[in-house]
């Protein structure tokens, strides 16, 4: 098995190494680098990247990678893991979703070595990380003041991607289309199969989301034969959504939420009341179809037209899916 060359670094088979990939300089003349942790087994096998904080305020993924690397038991028997805990270092430093040039990095792939700052970061990541890899797992959260139920977004029309999605182990999978300029789009053009994990809220750690993400990554590594399989206590069947929709507020005011992430909702159910500071109810938000609540706005203030609830629709019985979500949560967060 040959050395793996990333930037100016050669990583040998059996070696574990942390490197810093130069990206650009700040106007203060300070260097900014992309932190990369590489774990190589002595035996050849698949190469997979695990990335986080493409949006700089999405912190759960950083903690997922940090905990995995920190585990003494986290080793692989073949292949290579390339972990990048902070793709958008600038955003993490500034606690911002965006790059300093106000661009969304996840709309700038594959980037260019002579493009905008965001384009240059994307270019480095694609050429030094993605192009080496057979697979990828990109870790995200909801936006600021919005939480996502742990879920996968993937191209379910590709059989291998579908297979990896099902072994990841979260209850809900969205068959999501690929957006131009996204990391997923750049990975697919490179023939790299990729899963996008969405869970939790920006600028917050969510223990359920972190544990579900860690377990999912380990499940994928075991399925690819890169890590020794451990006895599984429970096998959870994921449910593939055939569609989803955000419900928006029809009035501005103070919100009284009546449902929680993972709940099964029926058509006509009242999900929230919107009222005045004096107790008057202006309007209610109703489910227009039956489904599972997979995302919601958390702040109890809303403007008319603002997205409030993300509902996924399934062919299966919604209550059965909600019960399974609760079971997964109890499994990952036992009372003790």
C-alpha atoms as a PDB file:
ATOM      1  CA  UNK A   1       0.000   0.000   0.000  1.00  0.00           C
ATOM      2  CA  UNK A   2       1.413   3.382  -1.064  1.00  0.00           C
ATOM      3  CA  UNK A   3       1.847   6.494   1.007  1.00  0.00           C
ATOM      4  CA  UNK A   4      -1.140   8.857   1.014  1.00  0.00           C
ATOM      5  CA  UNK A   5      -0.091  12.362   0.001  1.00  0.00           C
ATOM      6  CA  UNK A   6      -2.202  15.246   1.339  1.00  0.00           C
ATOM      7  CA  UNK A   7      -0.755  18.672   0.685  1.00  0.00           C
ATOM      8  CA  UNK A   8       2.963  18.449   1.405  1.00  0.00           C
ATOM      9  CA  UNK A   9       2.528  15.513   3.779  1.00  0.00           C
ATOM     10  CA  UNK A  10       3.024  11.794   3.138  1.00  0.00           C
ATOM     11  CA  UNK A  11       1.107   9.492   5.478  1.00  0.00           C
ATOM     12  CA  UNK A  12       2.359   5.923   5.597  1.00  0.00           C
ATOM     13  CA  UNK A  13       0.244   2.771   6.018  1.00  0.00           C
ATOM     14  CA  UNK A  14      -0.323   2.127   9.727  1.00  0.00           C
ATOM     15  CA  UNK A  15       0.347   5.764  10.610  1.00  0.00           C
ATOM     16  CA  UNK A  16      -1.937   8.149  12.521  1.00  0.00           C
ATOM     17  CA  UNK A  17      -1.162  11.804  12.013  1.00  0.00           C
ATOM     18  CA  UNK A  18      -2.493  15.321  12.501  1.00  0.00           C
ATOM     19  CA  UNK A  19      -1.652  17.868   9.825  1.00  0.00           C
ATOM     20  CA  UNK A  20      -2.512  21.476   9.009  1.00  0.00           C
ATOM     21  CA  UNK A  21      -3.374  22.288   5.390  1.00  0.00           C
ATOM     22  CA  UNK A  22      -2.597  25.930   4.524  1.00  0.00           C
ATOM     23  CA  UNK A  23      -5.649  27.719   3.131  1.00  0.00           C
ATOM     24  CA  UNK A  24      -4.993  31.461   3.115  1.00  0.00           C
ATOM     25  CA  UNK A  25      -3.766  34.377   5.195  1.00  0.00           C
ATOM     26  CA  UNK A  26      -5.832  36.878   7.142  1.00  0.00           C
ATOM     27  CA  UNK A  27      -5.215  40.579   6.553  1.00  0.00           C
ATOM     28  CA  UNK A  28      -3.311  40.488   9.853  1.00  0.00           C
ATOM     29  CA  UNK A  29      -0.778  38.228   8.078  1.00  0.00           C
ATOM     30  CA  UNK A  30      -1.834  35.304  10.296  1.00  0.00           C
ATOM     31  CA  UNK A  31      -2.015  31.905   8.610  1.00  0.00           C
ATOM     32  CA  UNK A  32      -5.259  29.958   8.630  1.00  0.00           C
ATOM     33  CA  UNK A  33      -5.048  26.218   8.089  1.00  0.00           C
ATOM     34  CA  UNK A  34      -7.440  23.325   7.707  1.00  0.00           C
ATOM     35  CA  UNK A  35      -6.969  20.817  10.588  1.00  0.00           C
ATOM     36  CA  UNK A  36      -6.922  17.213   9.330  1.00  0.00           C
ATOM     37  CA  UNK A  37      -6.555  13.993  11.337  1.00  0.00           C
ATOM     38  CA  UNK A  38      -5.603  10.911   9.299  1.00  0.00           C
ATOM     39  CA  UNK A  39      -5.845   7.340  10.550  1.00  0.00           C
ATOM     40  CA  UNK A  40      -4.402   4.663   8.248  1.00  0.00           C
ATOM     41  CA  UNK A  41      -4.483   0.908   8.774  1.00  0.00           C
ATOM     42  CA  UNK A  42      -1.657  -1.283   7.527  1.00  0.00           C
ATOM     43  CA  UNK A  43      -4.047  -3.157   5.250  1.00  0.00           C
ATOM     44  CA  UNK A  44      -5.482  -1.480   2.131  1.00  0.00           C
ATOM     45  CA  UNK A  45      -9.192  -0.710   2.081  1.00  0.00           C
ATOM     46  CA  UNK A  46     -11.746   2.045   1.546  1.00  0.00           C
ATOM     47  CA  UNK A  47     -10.859   5.682   2.168  1.00  0.00           C
ATOM     48  CA  UNK A  48     -13.554   7.741   3.873  1.00  0.00           C
ATOM     49  CA  UNK A  49     -13.653  11.363   4.972  1.00  0.00           C
ATOM     50  CA  UNK A  50     -15.663  12.638   7.935  1.00  0.00           C
ATOM     51  CA  UNK A  51     -16.193  16.394   7.867  1.00  0.00           C
ATOM     52  CA  UNK A  52     -17.839  18.925  10.142  1.00  0.00           C
ATOM     53  CA  UNK A  53     -18.461  22.674  10.399  1.00  0.00           C
ATOM     54  CA  UNK A  54     -18.753  23.393   6.689  1.00  0.00           C
ATOM     55  CA  UNK A  55     -21.109  25.907   8.272  1.00  0.00           C
ATOM     56  CA  UNK A  56     -19.023  27.423  11.036  1.00  0.00           C
ATOM     57  CA  UNK A  57     -21.790  27.639  13.643  1.00  0.00           C
ATOM     58  CA  UNK A  58     -22.739  23.936  13.374  1.00  0.00           C
ATOM     59  CA  UNK A  59     -20.787  22.500  16.293  1.00  0.00           C
ATOM     60  CA  UNK A  60     -22.222  19.024  16.959  1.00  0.00           C
ATOM     61  CA  UNK A  61     -20.066  17.509  14.206  1.00  0.00           C
ATOM     62  CA  UNK A  62     -16.898  18.922  15.744  1.00  0.00           C
ATOM     63  CA  UNK A  63     -17.744  17.155  19.003  1.00  0.00           C
ATOM     64  CA  UNK A  64     -18.629  13.911  17.199  1.00  0.00           C
ATOM     65  CA  UNK A  65     -15.210  13.810  15.506  1.00  0.00           C
ATOM     66  CA  UNK A  66     -13.420  14.911  18.687  1.00  0.00           C
ATOM     67  CA  UNK A  67     -14.985  12.114  20.732  1.00  0.00           C
ATOM     68  CA  UNK A  68     -14.304   9.481  18.076  1.00  0.00           C
ATOM     69  CA  UNK A  69     -10.626  10.407  17.792  1.00  0.00           C
ATOM     70  CA  UNK A  70     -10.297  10.573  21.566  1.00  0.00           C
ATOM     71  CA  UNK A  71     -11.614   7.009  22.046  1.00  0.00           C
ATOM     72  CA  UNK A  72      -8.833   4.530  22.696  1.00  0.00           C
ATOM     73  CA  UNK A  73     -10.943   1.881  21.003  1.00  0.00           C
ATOM     74  CA  UNK A  74     -11.287   3.931  17.805  1.00  0.00           C
ATOM     75  CA  UNK A  75      -8.993   2.076  15.438  1.00  0.00           C
ATOM     76  CA  UNK A  76      -9.440   0.577  12.001  1.00  0.00           C
ATOM     77  CA  UNK A  77      -8.312  -2.750  10.601  1.00  0.00           C
ATOM     78  CA  UNK A  78      -8.054  -1.651   6.961  1.00  0.00           C
ATOM     79  CA  UNK A  79      -8.353   1.440   4.822  1.00  0.00           C
ATOM     80  CA  UNK A  80      -8.096   5.100   5.821  1.00  0.00           C
ATOM     81  CA  UNK A  81     -10.171   7.626   7.754  1.00  0.00           C
ATOM     82  CA  UNK A  82      -9.612  11.322   7.000  1.00  0.00           C
ATOM     83  CA  UNK A  83     -11.307  13.418   9.700  1.00  0.00           C
ATOM     84  CA  UNK A  84     -11.730  17.166   9.220  1.00  0.00           C
ATOM     85  CA  UNK A  85     -13.443  18.600  12.319  1.00  0.00           C
ATOM     86  CA  UNK A  86     -13.559  22.218  11.051  1.00  0.00           C
ATOM     87  CA  UNK A  87     -13.816  22.835   7.320  1.00  0.00           C
ATOM     88  CA  UNK A  88     -14.888  26.469   7.824  1.00  0.00           C
ATOM     89  CA  UNK A  89     -12.322  27.501  10.423  1.00  0.00           C
ATOM     90  CA  UNK A  90     -13.191  31.162   9.875  1.00  0.00           C
ATOM     91  CA  UNK A  91     -16.842  30.550  10.704  1.00  0.00           C
ATOM     92  CA  UNK A  92     -16.016  28.576  13.854  1.00  0.00           C
ATOM     93  CA  UNK A  93     -13.772  31.369  15.141  1.00  0.00           C
ATOM     94  CA  UNK A  94     -16.505  33.945  14.495  1.00  0.00           C
ATOM     95  CA  UNK A  95     -19.403  31.645  15.523  1.00  0.00           C
ATOM     96  CA  UNK A  96     -20.874  32.322  12.100  1.00  0.00           C
ATOM     97  CA  UNK A  97     -22.449  30.096   9.464  1.00  0.00           C
ATOM     98  CA  UNK A  98     -20.634  31.966   6.706  1.00  0.00           C
ATOM     99  CA  UNK A  99     -17.147  32.783   5.499  1.00  0.00           C
ATOM    100  CA  UNK A 100     -15.723  36.274   6.137  1.00  0.00           C
ATOM    101  CA  UNK A 101     -16.758  37.245   2.584  1.00  0.00           C
ATOM    102  CA  UNK A 102     -20.381  36.390   3.597  1.00  0.00           C
ATOM    103  CA  UNK A 103     -20.492  33.415   1.269  1.00  0.00           C
ATOM    104  CA  UNK A 104     -22.056  30.095   2.197  1.00  0.00           C
ATOM    105  CA  UNK A 105     -19.170  27.633   1.823  1.00  0.00           C
ATOM    106  CA  UNK A 106     -21.641  24.846   1.031  1.00  0.00           C
ATOM    107  CA  UNK A 107     -22.612  26.662  -2.170  1.00  0.00           C
ATOM    108  CA  UNK A 108     -19.016  27.223  -3.353  1.00  0.00           C
ATOM    109  CA  UNK A 109     -17.825  23.689  -4.174  1.00  0.00           C
ATOM    110  CA  UNK A 110     -15.731  22.545  -6.016  1.00  0.00           C
ATOM    111  CA  UNK A 111     -14.208  26.008  -5.750  1.00  0.00           C
ATOM    112  CA  UNK A 112     -11.169  27.463  -7.456  1.00  0.00           C
ATOM    113  CA  UNK A 113      -7.565  28.146  -6.487  1.00  0.00           C
ATOM    114  CA  UNK A 114      -7.987  31.700  -7.838  1.00  0.00           C
ATOM    115  CA  UNK A 115     -11.580  32.324  -6.752  1.00  0.00           C
ATOM    116  CA  UNK A 116     -13.146  33.930  -3.686  1.00  0.00           C
ATOM    117  CA  UNK A 117     -11.942  33.044  -0.191  1.00  0.00           C
ATOM    118  CA  UNK A 118     -14.802  30.536   0.143  1.00  0.00           C
ATOM    119  CA  UNK A 119     -13.956  29.112  -3.279  1.00  0.00           C
ATOM    120  CA  UNK A 120     -10.315  28.656  -2.292  1.00  0.00           C
ATOM    121  CA  UNK A 121     -11.232  26.795   0.907  1.00  0.00           C
ATOM    122  CA  UNK A 122     -13.603  24.565  -1.085  1.00  0.00           C
ATOM    123  CA  UNK A 123     -10.890  23.949  -3.678  1.00  0.00           C
ATOM    124  CA  UNK A 124      -8.360  22.860  -1.045  1.00  0.00           C
ATOM    125  CA  UNK A 125     -10.872  20.528   0.603  1.00  0.00           C
ATOM    126  CA  UNK A 126     -11.929  18.887  -2.675  1.00  0.00           C
ATOM    127  CA  UNK A 127      -8.408  18.430  -4.051  1.00  0.00           C
ATOM    128  CA  UNK A 128      -6.638  17.423  -0.853  1.00  0.00           C
ATOM    129  CA  UNK A 129      -9.387  15.385   0.834  1.00  0.00           C
ATOM    130  CA  UNK A 130     -12.401  14.442  -1.293  1.00  0.00           C
ATOM    131  CA  UNK A 131     -10.427  13.298  -4.353  1.00  0.00           C
ATOM    132  CA  UNK A 132      -8.731  10.592  -2.289  1.00  0.00           C
ATOM    133  CA  UNK A 133     -11.972   9.164  -0.929  1.00  0.00           C
ATOM    134  CA  UNK A 134     -14.434   6.438  -1.859  1.00  0.00           C
ATOM    135  CA  UNK A 135     -16.952   7.575   0.762  1.00  0.00           C
ATOM    136  CA  UNK A 136     -17.767  10.608   2.872  1.00  0.00           C
ATOM    137  CA  UNK A 137     -19.922  11.577   5.846  1.00  0.00           C
ATOM    138  CA  UNK A 138     -20.648  15.299   6.200  1.00  0.00           C
ATOM    139  CA  UNK A 139     -21.978  16.402   9.613  1.00  0.00           C
ATOM    140  CA  UNK A 140     -24.454  19.278   9.952  1.00  0.00           C
ATOM    141  CA  UNK A 141     -27.024  20.766  12.349  1.00  0.00           C
ATOM    142  CA  UNK A 142     -30.077  22.953  11.969  1.00  0.00           C
ATOM    143  CA  UNK A 143     -29.611  26.713  11.604  1.00  0.00           C
ATOM    144  CA  UNK A 144     -29.500  29.113  14.544  1.00  0.00           C
ATOM    145  CA  UNK A 145     -32.670  28.799  16.696  1.00  0.00           C
ATOM    146  CA  UNK A 146     -33.701  25.686  14.721  1.00  0.00           C
ATOM    147  CA  UNK A 147     -33.307  22.038  15.743  1.00  0.00           C
ATOM    148  CA  UNK A 148     -33.254  18.982  13.516  1.00  0.00           C
ATOM    149  CA  UNK A 149     -34.152  15.464  14.591  1.00  0.00           C
ATOM    150  CA  UNK A 150     -31.175  13.178  13.813  1.00  0.00           C
ATOM    151  CA  UNK A 151     -31.654  12.314  10.145  1.00  0.00           C
ATOM    152  CA  UNK A 152     -29.742  11.448   6.998  1.00  0.00           C
ATOM    153  CA  UNK A 153     -30.011  13.108   3.619  1.00  0.00           C
ATOM    154  CA  UNK A 154     -28.705  11.013   0.749  1.00  0.00           C
ATOM    155  CA  UNK A 155     -29.241   9.907  -2.824  1.00  0.00           C
ATOM    156  CA  UNK A 156     -31.378   6.816  -2.291  1.00  0.00           C
ATOM    157  CA  UNK A 157     -31.410   6.075  -6.008  1.00  0.00           C
ATOM    158  CA  UNK A 158     -27.801   4.896  -5.707  1.00  0.00           C
ATOM    159  CA  UNK A 159     -27.865   1.388  -4.237  1.00  0.00           C
ATOM    160  CA  UNK A 160     -24.524   1.612  -2.377  1.00  0.00           C
ATOM    161  CA  UNK A 161     -25.448   4.990  -0.853  1.00  0.00           C
ATOM    162  CA  UNK A 162     -28.842   3.590   0.133  1.00  0.00           C
ATOM    163  CA  UNK A 163     -27.139   0.603   1.764  1.00  0.00           C
ATOM    164  CA  UNK A 164     -24.834   2.838   3.831  1.00  0.00           C
ATOM    165  CA  UNK A 165     -27.769   5.065   4.816  1.00  0.00           C
ATOM    166  CA  UNK A 166     -29.682   2.097   6.157  1.00  0.00           C
ATOM    167  CA  UNK A 167     -26.784   0.793   8.267  1.00  0.00           C
ATOM    168  CA  UNK A 168     -26.029   4.271   9.708  1.00  0.00           C
ATOM    169  CA  UNK A 169     -28.852   3.676  12.155  1.00  0.00           C
ATOM    170  CA  UNK A 170     -30.938   6.848  12.459  1.00  0.00           C
ATOM    171  CA  UNK A 171     -34.707   6.371  12.155  1.00  0.00           C
ATOM    172  CA  UNK A 172     -35.358   8.945   9.398  1.00  0.00           C
ATOM    173  CA  UNK A 173     -33.779   9.213   5.940  1.00  0.00           C
ATOM    174  CA  UNK A 174     -34.665  11.900   3.392  1.00  0.00           C
ATOM    175  CA  UNK A 175     -34.129  11.051  -0.256  1.00  0.00           C
ATOM    176  CA  UNK A 176     -32.690  14.510  -0.871  1.00  0.00           C
ATOM    177  CA  UNK A 177     -31.813  16.010  -4.225  1.00  0.00           C
ATOM    178  CA  UNK A 178     -28.285  17.312  -4.721  1.00  0.00           C
ATOM    179  CA  UNK A 179     -27.828  21.098  -4.637  1.00  0.00           C
ATOM    180  CA  UNK A 180     -25.410  22.738  -7.063  1.00  0.00           C
ATOM    181  CA  UNK A 181     -22.323  24.089  -5.333  1.00  0.00           C
ATOM    182  CA  UNK A 182     -22.675  21.818  -2.312  1.00  0.00           C
ATOM    183  CA  UNK A 183     -20.054  19.459  -0.936  1.00  0.00           C
ATOM    184  CA  UNK A 184     -22.391  16.582  -1.818  1.00  0.00           C
ATOM    185  CA  UNK A 185     -22.424  17.686  -5.457  1.00  0.00           C
ATOM    186  CA  UNK A 186     -18.624  17.921  -5.590  1.00  0.00           C
ATOM    187  CA  UNK A 187     -18.278  14.503  -3.945  1.00  0.00           C
ATOM    188  CA  UNK A 188     -20.685  12.853  -6.391  1.00  0.00           C
ATOM    189  CA  UNK A 189     -18.750  14.314  -9.352  1.00  0.00           C
ATOM    190  CA  UNK A 190     -15.686  12.672  -7.843  1.00  0.00           C
ATOM    191  CA  UNK A 191     -17.535   9.307  -7.613  1.00  0.00           C
ATOM    192  CA  UNK A 192     -17.409   9.620  -3.824  1.00  0.00           C
ATOM    193  CA  UNK A 193     -20.582   8.318  -2.192  1.00  0.00           C
ATOM    194  CA  UNK A 194     -21.636  10.653   0.594  1.00  0.00           C
ATOM    195  CA  UNK A 195     -24.077  10.785   3.490  1.00  0.00           C
ATOM    196  CA  UNK A 196     -25.198  14.088   5.003  1.00  0.00           C
ATOM    197  CA  UNK A 197     -26.072  13.855   8.707  1.00  0.00           C
ATOM    198  CA  UNK A 198     -28.365  16.575  10.099  1.00  0.00           C
ATOM    199  CA  UNK A 199     -28.997  16.760  13.844  1.00  0.00           C
ATOM    200  CA  UNK A 200     -29.394  19.349  16.585  1.00  0.00           C
ATOM    201  CA  UNK A 201     -29.122  23.134  16.532  1.00  0.00           C
ATOM    202  CA  UNK A 202     -26.408  25.631  15.579  1.00  0.00           C
ATOM    203  CA  UNK A 203     -24.073  26.870  18.350  1.00  0.00           C
ATOM    204  CA  UNK A 204     -25.273  24.136  20.735  1.00  0.00           C
ATOM    205  CA  UNK A 205     -24.192  20.627  21.697  1.00  0.00           C
ATOM    206  CA  UNK A 206     -27.042  18.120  21.710  1.00  0.00           C
ATOM    207  CA  UNK A 207     -26.147  14.839  23.419  1.00  0.00           C
ATOM    208  CA  UNK A 208     -28.674  12.691  21.558  1.00  0.00           C
ATOM    209  CA  UNK A 209     -27.486  14.069  18.203  1.00  0.00           C
ATOM    210  CA  UNK A 210     -23.824  13.583  19.110  1.00  0.00           C
ATOM    211  CA  UNK A 211     -24.269   9.991  20.251  1.00  0.00           C
ATOM    212  CA  UNK A 212     -26.450   9.093  17.261  1.00  0.00           C
ATOM    213  CA  UNK A 213     -23.816  10.531  14.914  1.00  0.00           C
ATOM    214  CA  UNK A 214     -20.950   8.669  16.589  1.00  0.00           C
ATOM    215  CA  UNK A 215     -22.840   5.387  16.483  1.00  0.00           C
ATOM    216  CA  UNK A 216     -23.790   5.941  12.850  1.00  0.00           C
ATOM    217  CA  UNK A 217     -20.192   6.538  11.774  1.00  0.00           C
ATOM    218  CA  UNK A 218     -19.001   3.430  13.597  1.00  0.00           C
ATOM    219  CA  UNK A 219     -21.823   1.409  11.996  1.00  0.00           C
ATOM    220  CA  UNK A 220     -20.691   2.555   8.532  1.00  0.00           C
ATOM    221  CA  UNK A 221     -17.022   1.749   9.233  1.00  0.00           C
ATOM    222  CA  UNK A 222     -17.993  -1.704  10.455  1.00  0.00           C
ATOM    223  CA  UNK A 223     -20.199  -2.296   7.409  1.00  0.00           C
ATOM    224  CA  UNK A 224     -17.311  -1.344   5.092  1.00  0.00           C
ATOM    225  CA  UNK A 225     -15.081  -3.845   6.894  1.00  0.00           C
ATOM    226  CA  UNK A 226     -12.804  -1.094   8.194  1.00  0.00           C
ATOM    227  CA  UNK A 227     -13.568  -1.753  11.836  1.00  0.00           C
ATOM    228  CA  UNK A 228     -14.257  -4.962  13.700  1.00  0.00           C
ATOM    229  CA  UNK A 229     -17.946  -5.538  14.266  1.00  0.00           C
ATOM    230  CA  UNK A 230     -19.235  -5.561  17.819  1.00  0.00           C
ATOM    231  CA  UNK A 231     -22.368  -7.433  18.905  1.00  0.00           C
ATOM    232  CA  UNK A 232     -25.404  -5.256  18.314  1.00  0.00           C
ATOM    233  CA  UNK A 233     -28.090  -5.209  20.947  1.00  0.00           C
ATOM    234  CA  UNK A 234     -30.738  -3.747  18.652  1.00  0.00           C
ATOM    235  CA  UNK A 235     -31.112  -3.225  14.935  1.00  0.00           C
ATOM    236  CA  UNK A 236     -33.281  -0.246  13.986  1.00  0.00           C
ATOM    237  CA  UNK A 237     -35.029  -0.113  10.648  1.00  0.00           C
ATOM    238  CA  UNK A 238     -34.733   3.362   9.100  1.00  0.00           C
ATOM    239  CA  UNK A 239     -37.741   4.905   7.406  1.00  0.00           C
ATOM    240  CA  UNK A 240     -37.318   6.687   4.071  1.00  0.00           C
ATOM    241  CA  UNK A 241     -39.408   9.838   3.701  1.00  0.00           C
ATOM    242  CA  UNK A 242     -41.119  10.291   0.360  1.00  0.00           C
ATOM    243  CA  UNK A 243     -41.320  14.042   0.884  1.00  0.00           C
ATOM    244  CA  UNK A 244     -41.094  16.854   3.414  1.00  0.00           C
ATOM    245  CA  UNK A 245     -42.337  20.426   3.849  1.00  0.00           C
ATOM    246  CA  UNK A 246     -41.790  23.441   6.088  1.00  0.00           C
ATOM    247  CA  UNK A 247     -44.948  24.969   7.589  1.00  0.00           C
ATOM    248  CA  UNK A 248     -44.838  28.756   7.910  1.00  0.00           C
ATOM    249  CA  UNK A 249     -46.406  31.257  10.280  1.00  0.00           C
ATOM    250  CA  UNK A 250     -49.498  33.133   9.072  1.00  0.00           C
ATOM    251  CA  UNK A 251     -49.091  35.816  11.751  1.00  0.00           C
ATOM    252  CA  UNK A 252     -46.390  37.516  13.812  1.00  0.00           C
ATOM    253  CA  UNK A 253     -46.259  37.143  17.578  1.00  0.00           C
ATOM    254  CA  UNK A 254     -45.280  35.023  20.566  1.00  0.00           C
ATOM    255  CA  UNK A 255     -45.273  31.255  20.021  1.00  0.00           C
ATOM    256  CA  UNK A 256     -46.646  28.526  22.253  1.00  0.00           C
ATOM    257  CA  UNK A 257     -45.237  25.233  20.895  1.00  0.00           C
ATOM    258  CA  UNK A 258     -47.535  22.232  21.383  1.00  0.00           C
ATOM    259  CA  UNK A 259     -45.373  19.489  19.797  1.00  0.00           C
ATOM    260  CA  UNK A 260     -41.786  18.236  20.010  1.00  0.00           C
ATOM    261  CA  UNK A 261     -39.227  16.820  17.581  1.00  0.00           C
ATOM    262  CA  UNK A 262     -40.026  13.228  16.650  1.00  0.00           C
ATOM    263  CA  UNK A 263     -43.746  13.540  17.329  1.00  0.00           C
ATOM    264  CA  UNK A 264     -46.277  11.986  14.998  1.00  0.00           C
ATOM    265  CA  UNK A 265     -48.747  14.611  13.785  1.00  0.00           C
ATOM    266  CA  UNK A 266     -52.054  14.148  11.974  1.00  0.00           C
ATOM    267  CA  UNK A 267     -53.616  16.387   9.352  1.00  0.00           C
ATOM    268  CA  UNK A 268     -55.399  19.216  11.148  1.00  0.00           C
ATOM    269  CA  UNK A 269     -53.410  18.905  14.412  1.00  0.00           C
ATOM    270  CA  UNK A 270     -52.548  22.258  16.003  1.00  0.00           C
ATOM    271  CA  UNK A 271     -48.749  22.457  16.289  1.00  0.00           C
ATOM    272  CA  UNK A 272     -48.460  25.929  17.836  1.00  0.00           C
ATOM    273  CA  UNK A 273     -50.416  29.008  18.841  1.00  0.00           C
ATOM    274  CA  UNK A 274     -49.272  32.509  17.882  1.00  0.00           C
ATOM    275  CA  UNK A 275     -50.456  35.319  20.116  1.00  0.00           C
ATOM    276  CA  UNK A 276     -49.948  38.780  21.535  1.00  0.00           C
ATOM    277  CA  UNK A 277     -48.043  39.713  24.728  1.00  0.00           C
ATOM    278  CA  UNK A 278     -51.485  40.119  26.369  1.00  0.00           C
ATOM    279  CA  UNK A 279     -52.699  36.565  25.818  1.00  0.00           C
ATOM    280  CA  UNK A 280     -54.771  37.058  22.686  1.00  0.00           C
ATOM    281  CA  UNK A 281     -54.353  34.213  20.152  1.00  0.00           C
ATOM    282  CA  UNK A 282     -53.888  35.591  16.626  1.00  0.00           C
ATOM    283  CA  UNK A 283     -53.552  32.327  14.755  1.00  0.00           C
ATOM    284  CA  UNK A 284     -52.613  28.659  15.015  1.00  0.00           C
ATOM    285  CA  UNK A 285     -50.246  26.537  12.904  1.00  0.00           C
ATOM    286  CA  UNK A 286     -51.910  23.337  11.709  1.00  0.00           C
ATOM    287  CA  UNK A 287     -50.459  20.247  10.046  1.00  0.00           C
ATOM    288  CA  UNK A 288     -51.667  20.071   6.461  1.00  0.00           C
ATOM    289  CA  UNK A 289     -50.682  16.408   6.182  1.00  0.00           C
ATOM    290  CA  UNK A 290     -49.869  13.554   8.533  1.00  0.00           C
ATOM    291  CA  UNK A 291     -46.192  12.947   9.184  1.00  0.00           C
ATOM    292  CA  UNK A 292     -43.266  13.165  11.611  1.00  0.00           C
ATOM    293  CA  UNK A 293     -41.845  16.420  12.982  1.00  0.00           C
ATOM    294  CA  UNK A 294     -38.150  16.382  11.959  1.00  0.00           C
ATOM    295  CA  UNK A 295     -37.291  20.068  12.393  1.00  0.00           C
ATOM    296  CA  UNK A 296     -38.606  23.105  14.228  1.00  0.00           C
ATOM    297  CA  UNK A 297     -37.888  26.693  15.152  1.00  0.00           C
ATOM    298  CA  UNK A 298     -36.981  26.987  18.843  1.00  0.00           C
ATOM    299  CA  UNK A 299     -37.203  30.714  19.571  1.00  0.00           C
ATOM    300  CA  UNK A 300     -40.697  31.602  20.899  1.00  0.00           C
ATOM    301  CA  UNK A 301     -40.986  34.634  18.611  1.00  0.00           C
ATOM    302  CA  UNK A 302     -42.061  34.510  14.993  1.00  0.00           C
ATOM    303  CA  UNK A 303     -42.591  36.802  12.039  1.00  0.00           C
ATOM    304  CA  UNK A 304     -45.326  36.177   9.487  1.00  0.00           C
ATOM    305  CA  UNK A 305     -44.019  33.895   6.734  1.00  0.00           C
ATOM    306  CA  UNK A 306     -41.225  32.436   8.865  1.00  0.00           C
ATOM    307  CA  UNK A 307     -40.598  28.666   8.645  1.00  0.00           C
ATOM    308  CA  UNK A 308     -41.647  26.987  11.917  1.00  0.00           C
ATOM    309  CA  UNK A 309     -42.072  23.214  11.508  1.00  0.00           C
ATOM    310  CA  UNK A 310     -40.459  20.707   9.129  1.00  0.00           C
ATOM    311  CA  UNK A 311     -42.708  17.703   8.553  1.00  0.00           C
ATOM    312  CA  UNK A 312     -41.567  14.504   6.788  1.00  0.00           C
ATOM    313  CA  UNK A 313     -44.113  12.272   5.084  1.00  0.00           C
ATOM    314  CA  UNK A 314     -43.944   8.473   4.962  1.00  0.00           C
ATOM    315  CA  UNK A 315     -45.861   5.555   3.536  1.00  0.00           C
ATOM    316  CA  UNK A 316     -45.508   3.686   6.847  1.00  0.00           C
ATOM    317  CA  UNK A 317     -47.616   4.260   9.960  1.00  0.00           C
ATOM    318  CA  UNK A 318     -46.440   7.536  11.526  1.00  0.00           C
ATOM    319  CA  UNK A 319     -47.033   6.480  15.125  1.00  0.00           C
ATOM    320  CA  UNK A 320     -44.879   3.382  14.601  1.00  0.00           C
ATOM    321  CA  UNK A 321     -42.051   5.631  13.343  1.00  0.00           C
ATOM    322  CA  UNK A 322     -42.471   8.002  16.302  1.00  0.00           C
ATOM    323  CA  UNK A 323     -42.298   5.051  18.710  1.00  0.00           C
ATOM    324  CA  UNK A 324     -39.087   3.860  17.060  1.00  0.00           C
ATOM    325  CA  UNK A 325     -37.556   7.345  17.338  1.00  0.00           C
ATOM    326  CA  UNK A 326     -38.332   7.305  21.057  1.00  0.00           C
ATOM    327  CA  UNK A 327     -36.782   3.829  21.355  1.00  0.00           C
ATOM    328  CA  UNK A 328     -33.582   5.001  19.653  1.00  0.00           C
ATOM    329  CA  UNK A 329     -33.403   7.982  21.998  1.00  0.00           C
ATOM    330  CA  UNK A 330     -33.889   5.765  25.052  1.00  0.00           C
ATOM    331  CA  UNK A 331     -31.159   3.432  23.755  1.00  0.00           C
ATOM    332  CA  UNK A 332     -28.625   6.252  23.305  1.00  0.00           C
ATOM    333  CA  UNK A 333     -29.643   8.276  26.367  1.00  0.00           C
ATOM    334  CA  UNK A 334     -30.583   5.798  29.105  1.00  0.00           C
ATOM    335  CA  UNK A 335     -31.914   7.335  32.299  1.00  0.00           C
ATOM    336  CA  UNK A 336     -28.787   6.415  34.255  1.00  0.00           C
END
